[in-house]
Amino acid sequence: MKTGILLTNLGTPDAPTKSALKRYLKEFLSDIRVVNSPNKFIWWLVLNVFILNIRPAKSAKNYAKIWGKFGTGSPLLDITNLQLKKLKKILLSKDIDWVFAMGMRYGNPSIISGLEKLQKTGCKKIIVLPLYPQYSTTTTLSTLDAVNAALETWQQPPKLVFIDYYYQNTYYIQALANSVLEHQARHGKPDKLMISFHGIPQRYVDNGDVYYQHCVDTAKLLAEALNLDDDAYQLCFQSIFGREKWLQPYTKTSLESLGTQGVAHVQVICPGFSADCLETIEEIDEENRNYFINAGGKKFSYIPALNDRSEHINALVNIITQRLL
């Protein structure tokens, strides 16, 4: 019996152009899991009249800076391809009839196309691994929505194994810790390690999303693995959008505050990102670096995402194979 593996992530525009970004942002920001506005009509007006006529040009310029950095296209897509290739090599060495596919929640290749590829091979069981270590309705549940919608069209749906989160996986935490230690062996130990996660509106957590607690737990597990004192690291949240209150403290504000307080050396790691992308390469390593330095900081460095590190791939193998027991 063939077992399918569908690796998923958030997604990417098809090109670093205004038109491609407009298509991508429209799909992304039209998802009610992502933007659950109390007034759907007002949000529709804001999105279609203002955001989609202003933001795509700016986002396209930022994507152009990083396009091809890890291959020939967007970093997220190129890195996910590398992850899938290495995952496939390891799992095929085991005594299981695996089939592999990739699908992005927004943009291409889509989740639907990935599932169709698995369907054509006759998979009776499909394991879906969204590359979000921490659970959130905005990412994980949205992915499950897309998977379920696609499988509802199958005459004979497969057995579905959906991996909701894996932040507590020992191999994942150790891979994070080792990436920090390797970085610090080259760049020295910082005065403060900033552990930055993508933000979501506070309202979502107040309504039951467990994401914040998963981020807190991840930071604690990483700090324990590194044997850090409480004052040696700080949890923070980046990528804030809109005017309502998001999870705090904000990464930007925290870095500026540290700079003004005389903290000289800061390093930032983003454990919620399984692959480097616009939010890490441009937002953290460039934009937030400038916030810290301009506020008086002296030394800043970004610790890259786990990407296709062998320890990360081994962690993903462990996460998948555990679900077969």
Protein backbone atom coordinates (compact mmCIF):
# COMPACT_ATOMS: atom_id res chain seq x y z
CA MET A 1 0.00 0.00 0.00
CA LYS A 2 1.49 3.29 -1.09
CA THR A 3 1.87 6.01 1.53
CA GLY A 4 1.97 9.61 0.35
CA ILE A 5 3.93 12.40 2.01
CA LEU A 6 2.68 15.93 1.34
CA LEU A 7 5.06 18.62 2.55
CA THR A 8 3.37 22.02 2.79
CA ASN A 9 4.30 25.57 3.62
CA LEU A 10 2.70 29.01 3.38
CA GLY A 11 3.47 29.88 -0.21
CA THR A 12 5.14 32.33 -2.51
CA PRO A 13 4.40 34.57 -5.48
CA ASP A 14 5.28 33.19 -8.91
CA ALA A 15 7.66 36.06 -9.61
CA PRO A 16 8.98 39.22 -7.94
CA THR A 17 6.57 41.39 -9.90
CA LYS A 18 3.67 43.64 -8.96
CA SER A 19 1.11 41.49 -10.82
CA ALA A 20 2.35 38.24 -9.26
CA LEU A 21 2.34 39.79 -5.79
CA LYS A 22 -1.18 41.10 -6.31
CA ARG A 23 -2.45 37.59 -7.15
CA TYR A 24 -0.60 36.06 -4.21
CA LEU A 25 -1.65 38.67 -1.65
CA LYS A 26 -5.27 38.53 -2.78
CA GLU A 27 -5.41 34.77 -2.20
CA PHE A 28 -3.54 35.03 1.09
CA LEU A 29 -5.43 37.96 2.58
CA SER A 30 -8.82 36.65 1.44
CA ASP A 31 -8.46 33.61 3.69
CA ILE A 32 -10.75 34.14 6.69
CA ARG A 33 -8.36 32.08 8.83
CA VAL A 34 -5.71 34.72 8.18
CA VAL A 35 -7.86 37.83 8.38
CA ASN A 36 -10.97 37.13 10.41
CA SER A 37 -12.42 40.62 10.35
CA PRO A 38 -15.58 41.38 12.38
CA ASN A 39 -16.81 43.36 9.37
CA LYS A 40 -16.28 41.31 6.22
CA PHE A 41 -17.53 44.03 3.86
CA ILE A 42 -15.22 46.69 5.27
CA TRP A 43 -12.27 44.33 5.01
CA TRP A 44 -13.19 43.51 1.40
CA LEU A 45 -13.12 47.23 0.58
CA VAL A 46 -9.82 47.80 2.39
CA LEU A 47 -8.22 44.81 0.67
CA ASN A 48 -9.41 45.46 -2.86
CA VAL A 49 -9.42 49.25 -2.93
CA PHE A 50 -6.32 50.04 -0.90
CA ILE A 51 -4.00 47.13 -0.02
CA LEU A 52 -3.98 45.39 -3.40
CA ASN A 53 -3.33 48.68 -5.17
CA ILE A 54 -0.49 49.79 -2.89
CA ARG A 55 1.30 46.89 -1.23
CA PRO A 56 2.17 44.64 -4.24
CA ALA A 57 4.67 47.15 -5.69
CA LYS A 58 6.55 47.47 -2.40
CA SER A 59 6.48 43.71 -1.76
CA ALA A 60 7.73 43.02 -5.29
CA LYS A 61 10.80 45.20 -4.67
CA ASN A 62 11.55 43.33 -1.46
CA TYR A 63 11.14 39.94 -3.16
CA ALA A 64 13.45 41.07 -5.98
CA LYS A 65 16.22 41.55 -3.38
CA ILE A 66 16.09 37.92 -2.28
CA TRP A 67 14.91 36.15 -5.46
CA GLY A 68 17.35 33.41 -6.45
CA LYS A 69 19.22 33.53 -3.14
CA PHE A 70 18.80 29.77 -2.60
CA GLY A 71 18.25 28.66 -6.19
CA THR A 72 16.41 30.15 -9.14
CA GLY A 73 13.21 31.40 -7.54
CA SER A 74 11.74 32.40 -4.21
CA PRO A 75 13.80 31.23 -1.20
CA LEU A 76 10.80 29.54 0.43
CA LEU A 77 10.04 27.46 -2.65
CA ASP A 78 13.65 26.60 -3.42
CA ILE A 79 14.40 25.58 0.17
CA THR A 80 11.21 23.49 0.46
CA ASN A 81 12.25 21.68 -2.71
CA LEU A 82 15.63 20.93 -1.15
CA GLN A 83 13.95 19.73 2.05
CA LEU A 84 11.65 17.42 0.10
CA LYS A 85 14.54 16.03 -1.96
CA LYS A 86 16.58 15.18 1.15
CA LEU A 87 13.57 13.86 3.04
CA LYS A 88 12.75 11.63 0.10
CA LYS A 89 16.30 10.23 -0.04
CA ILE A 90 16.21 9.17 3.61
CA LEU A 91 12.69 7.78 3.70
CA LEU A 92 13.08 5.79 0.49
CA SER A 93 15.94 3.95 2.15
CA LYS A 94 13.41 2.53 4.60
CA ASP A 95 11.18 -0.44 3.86
CA ILE A 96 8.02 1.54 2.99
CA ASP A 97 6.44 2.35 -0.37
CA TRP A 98 6.57 6.16 -0.15
CA VAL A 99 5.40 8.75 -2.67
CA PHE A 100 6.26 12.42 -2.26
CA ALA A 101 4.73 15.76 -3.20
CA MET A 102 4.81 19.39 -2.16
CA GLY A 103 2.00 21.93 -1.97
CA MET A 104 1.79 25.54 -0.90
CA ARG A 105 -1.24 26.94 0.89
CA TYR A 106 -1.19 29.99 -1.38
CA GLY A 107 0.33 30.26 -4.83
CA ASN A 108 2.05 27.46 -6.72
CA PRO A 109 2.49 24.54 -6.55
CA SER A 110 -0.86 24.31 -4.79
CA ILE A 111 -1.99 21.82 -2.18
CA ILE A 112 -4.57 20.56 -4.67
CA SER A 113 -1.88 19.83 -7.27
CA GLY A 114 0.26 18.05 -4.67
CA LEU A 115 -2.63 15.84 -3.59
CA GLU A 116 -3.55 15.09 -7.20
CA LYS A 117 0.00 13.89 -7.79
CA LEU A 118 -0.35 11.49 -4.86
CA GLN A 119 -3.80 10.40 -6.01
CA LYS A 120 -2.46 9.38 -9.43
CA THR A 121 0.00 6.98 -7.79
CA GLY A 122 -2.79 5.23 -5.92
CA CYS A 123 -1.94 6.33 -2.37
CA LYS A 124 -4.25 4.77 0.22
CA LYS A 125 -2.70 6.76 3.04
CA ILE A 126 -1.42 10.35 3.02
CA ILE A 127 0.65 12.04 5.72
CA VAL A 128 0.45 15.83 5.55
CA LEU A 129 3.23 17.73 7.27
CA PRO A 130 2.71 21.51 7.35
CA LEU A 131 6.11 23.00 8.09
CA TYR A 132 4.78 25.06 11.00
CA PRO A 133 6.35 23.83 14.25
CA GLN A 134 3.77 25.75 16.30
CA TYR A 135 0.03 25.33 15.74
CA SER A 136 -2.13 28.27 14.71
CA THR A 137 -5.56 28.56 13.16
CA THR A 138 -4.03 31.07 10.74
CA THR A 139 -1.60 28.55 9.28
CA THR A 140 -2.11 24.95 10.39
CA LEU A 141 -5.90 24.94 10.43
CA SER A 142 -6.02 26.86 7.16
CA THR A 143 -3.87 24.14 5.61
CA LEU A 144 -6.21 21.45 6.94
CA ASP A 145 -9.13 23.36 5.40
CA ALA A 146 -7.45 23.21 2.00
CA VAL A 147 -6.54 19.53 2.36
CA ASN A 148 -10.06 18.53 3.41
CA ALA A 149 -11.64 20.55 0.60
CA ALA A 150 -9.46 18.77 -1.94
CA LEU A 151 -10.03 15.27 -0.53
CA GLU A 152 -13.81 15.76 -0.51
CA THR A 153 -13.72 15.54 -4.32
CA TRP A 154 -12.07 12.10 -4.27
CA GLN A 155 -14.35 9.12 -4.85
CA GLN A 156 -12.20 7.03 -2.55
CA PRO A 157 -10.52 9.36 -0.03
CA PRO A 158 -7.29 8.05 1.52
CA LYS A 159 -6.61 7.65 5.20
CA LEU A 160 -5.36 11.07 6.30
CA VAL A 161 -2.67 11.64 8.90
CA PHE A 162 -2.34 15.35 9.57
CA ILE A 163 0.56 16.54 11.73
CA ASP A 164 -0.72 19.56 13.66
CA TYR A 165 2.55 20.73 15.23
CA TYR A 166 5.96 19.46 16.30
CA TYR A 167 7.65 22.19 18.34
CA GLN A 168 8.15 19.77 21.25
CA ASN A 169 10.05 17.23 19.13
CA THR A 170 13.46 16.61 20.71
CA TYR A 171 15.24 16.40 17.36
CA TYR A 172 13.76 19.72 16.23
CA ILE A 173 14.78 21.51 19.45
CA GLN A 174 18.28 20.05 19.32
CA ALA A 175 18.65 21.11 15.67
CA LEU A 176 17.71 24.66 16.69
CA ALA A 177 20.16 24.61 19.59
CA ASN A 178 22.99 23.31 17.44
CA SER A 179 22.34 25.99 14.82
CA VAL A 180 22.68 28.62 17.57
CA LEU A 181 25.88 27.10 18.91
CA GLU A 182 27.43 26.90 15.44
CA HIS A 183 26.51 30.51 14.74
CA GLN A 184 27.96 31.67 18.03
CA ALA A 185 31.16 29.73 17.42
CA ARG A 186 31.70 32.03 14.42
CA HIS A 187 30.19 35.28 15.69
CA GLY A 188 30.59 35.10 19.46
CA LYS A 189 27.96 34.97 22.19
CA PRO A 190 25.51 37.88 22.23
CA ASP A 191 24.35 39.96 25.16
CA LYS A 192 20.82 38.89 24.25
CA LEU A 193 19.34 36.13 22.10
CA MET A 194 16.07 37.31 20.55
CA ILE A 195 13.66 34.45 19.79
CA SER A 196 11.28 35.96 17.26
CA PHE A 197 8.05 34.42 15.96
CA HIS A 198 5.60 35.62 13.35
CA GLY A 199 2.86 37.57 15.10
CA ILE A 200 -0.90 37.11 14.98
CA PRO A 201 -3.63 39.37 16.37
CA GLN A 202 -4.05 39.12 20.14
CA ARG A 203 -7.78 38.69 19.50
CA TYR A 204 -7.14 35.28 17.89
CA VAL A 205 -5.37 34.01 21.02
CA ASP A 206 -8.10 35.48 23.23
CA ASN A 207 -10.56 33.43 21.15
CA GLY A 208 -8.70 30.17 21.74
CA ASP A 209 -5.73 29.95 19.35
CA VAL A 210 -2.93 28.07 21.16
CA TYR A 211 -0.18 29.64 19.06
CA TYR A 212 1.13 32.00 21.74
CA GLN A 213 1.57 29.19 24.26
CA HIS A 214 3.35 27.06 21.68
CA CYS A 215 5.76 29.94 21.02
CA VAL A 216 6.39 30.40 24.75
CA ASP A 217 7.03 26.67 25.15
CA THR A 218 9.37 26.59 22.14
CA ALA A 219 11.43 29.47 23.52
CA LYS A 220 11.69 27.74 26.91
CA LEU A 221 12.73 24.42 25.38
CA LEU A 222 15.37 26.11 23.25
CA ALA A 223 16.67 28.11 26.23
CA GLU A 224 16.89 24.90 28.28
CA ALA A 225 18.78 23.14 25.50
CA LEU A 226 21.23 26.06 25.42
CA ASN A 227 21.36 26.31 29.23
CA LEU A 228 20.40 30.00 29.10
CA ASP A 229 19.41 32.10 32.07
CA ASP A 230 16.09 33.93 31.81
CA ASP A 231 17.76 37.28 31.20
CA ALA A 232 19.91 35.91 28.36
CA TYR A 233 17.04 35.61 25.89
CA GLN A 234 13.78 37.33 24.99
CA LEU A 235 10.64 36.11 23.23
CA CYS A 236 9.21 38.57 20.70
CA PHE A 237 6.89 38.79 17.68
CA GLN A 238 7.46 40.21 14.21
CA SER A 239 5.57 40.89 10.95
CA ILE A 240 2.81 43.04 12.45
CA PHE A 241 0.05 44.07 10.06
CA GLY A 242 -2.87 46.45 10.52
CA ARG A 243 -3.88 48.61 13.47
CA GLU A 244 -5.24 46.16 16.04
CA LYS A 245 -3.17 44.78 18.90
CA TRP A 246 -0.97 41.81 18.00
CA LEU A 247 1.03 39.45 20.22
CA GLN A 248 3.64 41.34 22.19
CA PRO A 249 6.40 42.25 22.76
CA TYR A 250 7.06 43.35 19.19
CA THR A 251 10.47 42.47 17.72
CA LYS A 252 11.00 45.97 16.30
CA THR A 253 10.21 47.72 19.60
CA SER A 254 12.29 45.25 21.59
CA LEU A 255 15.36 45.72 19.41
CA GLU A 256 15.06 49.50 19.55
CA SER A 257 14.70 49.36 23.32
CA LEU A 258 17.78 47.16 23.69
CA GLY A 259 19.77 49.51 21.50
CA THR A 260 18.85 52.54 23.57
CA GLN A 261 19.63 50.66 26.80
CA GLY A 262 23.21 50.09 25.72
CA VAL A 263 22.94 46.41 24.80
CA ALA A 264 25.75 46.06 22.29
CA HIS A 265 25.37 42.59 20.73
CA VAL A 266 22.13 40.90 19.71
CA GLN A 267 21.44 37.72 17.75
CA VAL A 268 18.00 36.79 16.40
CA ILE A 269 16.62 33.33 15.67
CA CYS A 270 13.15 32.63 14.24
CA PRO A 271 12.14 29.08 15.27
CA GLY A 272 8.68 29.34 13.71
CA PHE A 273 10.14 29.51 10.19
CA SER A 274 11.26 26.15 8.82
CA ALA A 275 12.74 27.89 5.77
CA ASP A 276 14.19 31.32 5.21
CA CYS A 277 11.88 33.68 3.39
CA LEU A 278 11.00 37.36 3.05
CA GLU A 279 10.13 37.64 6.74
CA THR A 280 13.55 36.42 7.85
CA ILE A 281 15.95 37.53 5.13
CA GLU A 282 14.57 41.00 4.41
CA GLU A 283 12.51 41.85 7.49
CA ILE A 284 14.79 40.50 10.22
CA ASP A 285 18.28 40.49 8.72
CA GLU A 286 17.92 43.85 7.01
CA GLU A 287 15.04 45.95 8.35
CA ASN A 288 15.22 44.95 12.02
CA ARG A 289 19.02 45.00 11.94
CA ASN A 290 18.75 48.68 11.04
CA TYR A 291 16.31 49.34 13.89
CA PHE A 292 18.80 47.94 16.40
CA ILE A 293 21.90 49.64 14.97
CA ASN A 294 20.15 53.00 14.56
CA ALA A 295 19.02 52.79 18.21
CA GLY A 296 22.61 52.45 19.41
CA GLY A 297 23.31 48.73 19.07
CA LYS A 298 26.78 47.70 17.87
CA LYS A 299 26.58 44.13 16.58
CA PHE A 300 23.60 42.28 15.08
CA SER A 301 23.36 38.91 13.40
CA TYR A 302 20.55 36.68 12.22
CA ILE A 303 20.77 32.93 12.84
CA PRO A 304 19.42 31.29 9.65
CA ALA A 305 16.39 29.01 9.65
CA LEU A 306 17.04 25.28 9.77
CA ASN A 307 16.35 25.06 6.03
CA ASP A 308 17.84 21.84 4.62
CA ARG A 309 20.35 21.22 7.42
CA SER A 310 20.82 17.48 7.89
CA GLU A 311 19.68 17.71 11.53
CA HIS A 312 16.46 19.40 10.41
CA ILE A 313 15.78 16.74 7.81
CA ASN A 314 16.42 14.03 10.40
CA ALA A 315 13.96 15.76 12.72
CA LEU A 316 11.31 15.78 9.98
CA VAL A 317 11.96 12.08 9.32
CA ASN A 318 11.48 11.39 13.02
CA ILE A 319 8.27 13.43 13.14
CA ILE A 320 6.83 11.55 10.17
CA THR A 321 7.87 8.04 11.17
CA GLN A 322 6.52 8.52 14.70
CA ARG A 323 3.06 8.81 13.18
CA LEU A 324 3.43 5.37 11.63
CA LEU A 325 3.77 3.63 14.99
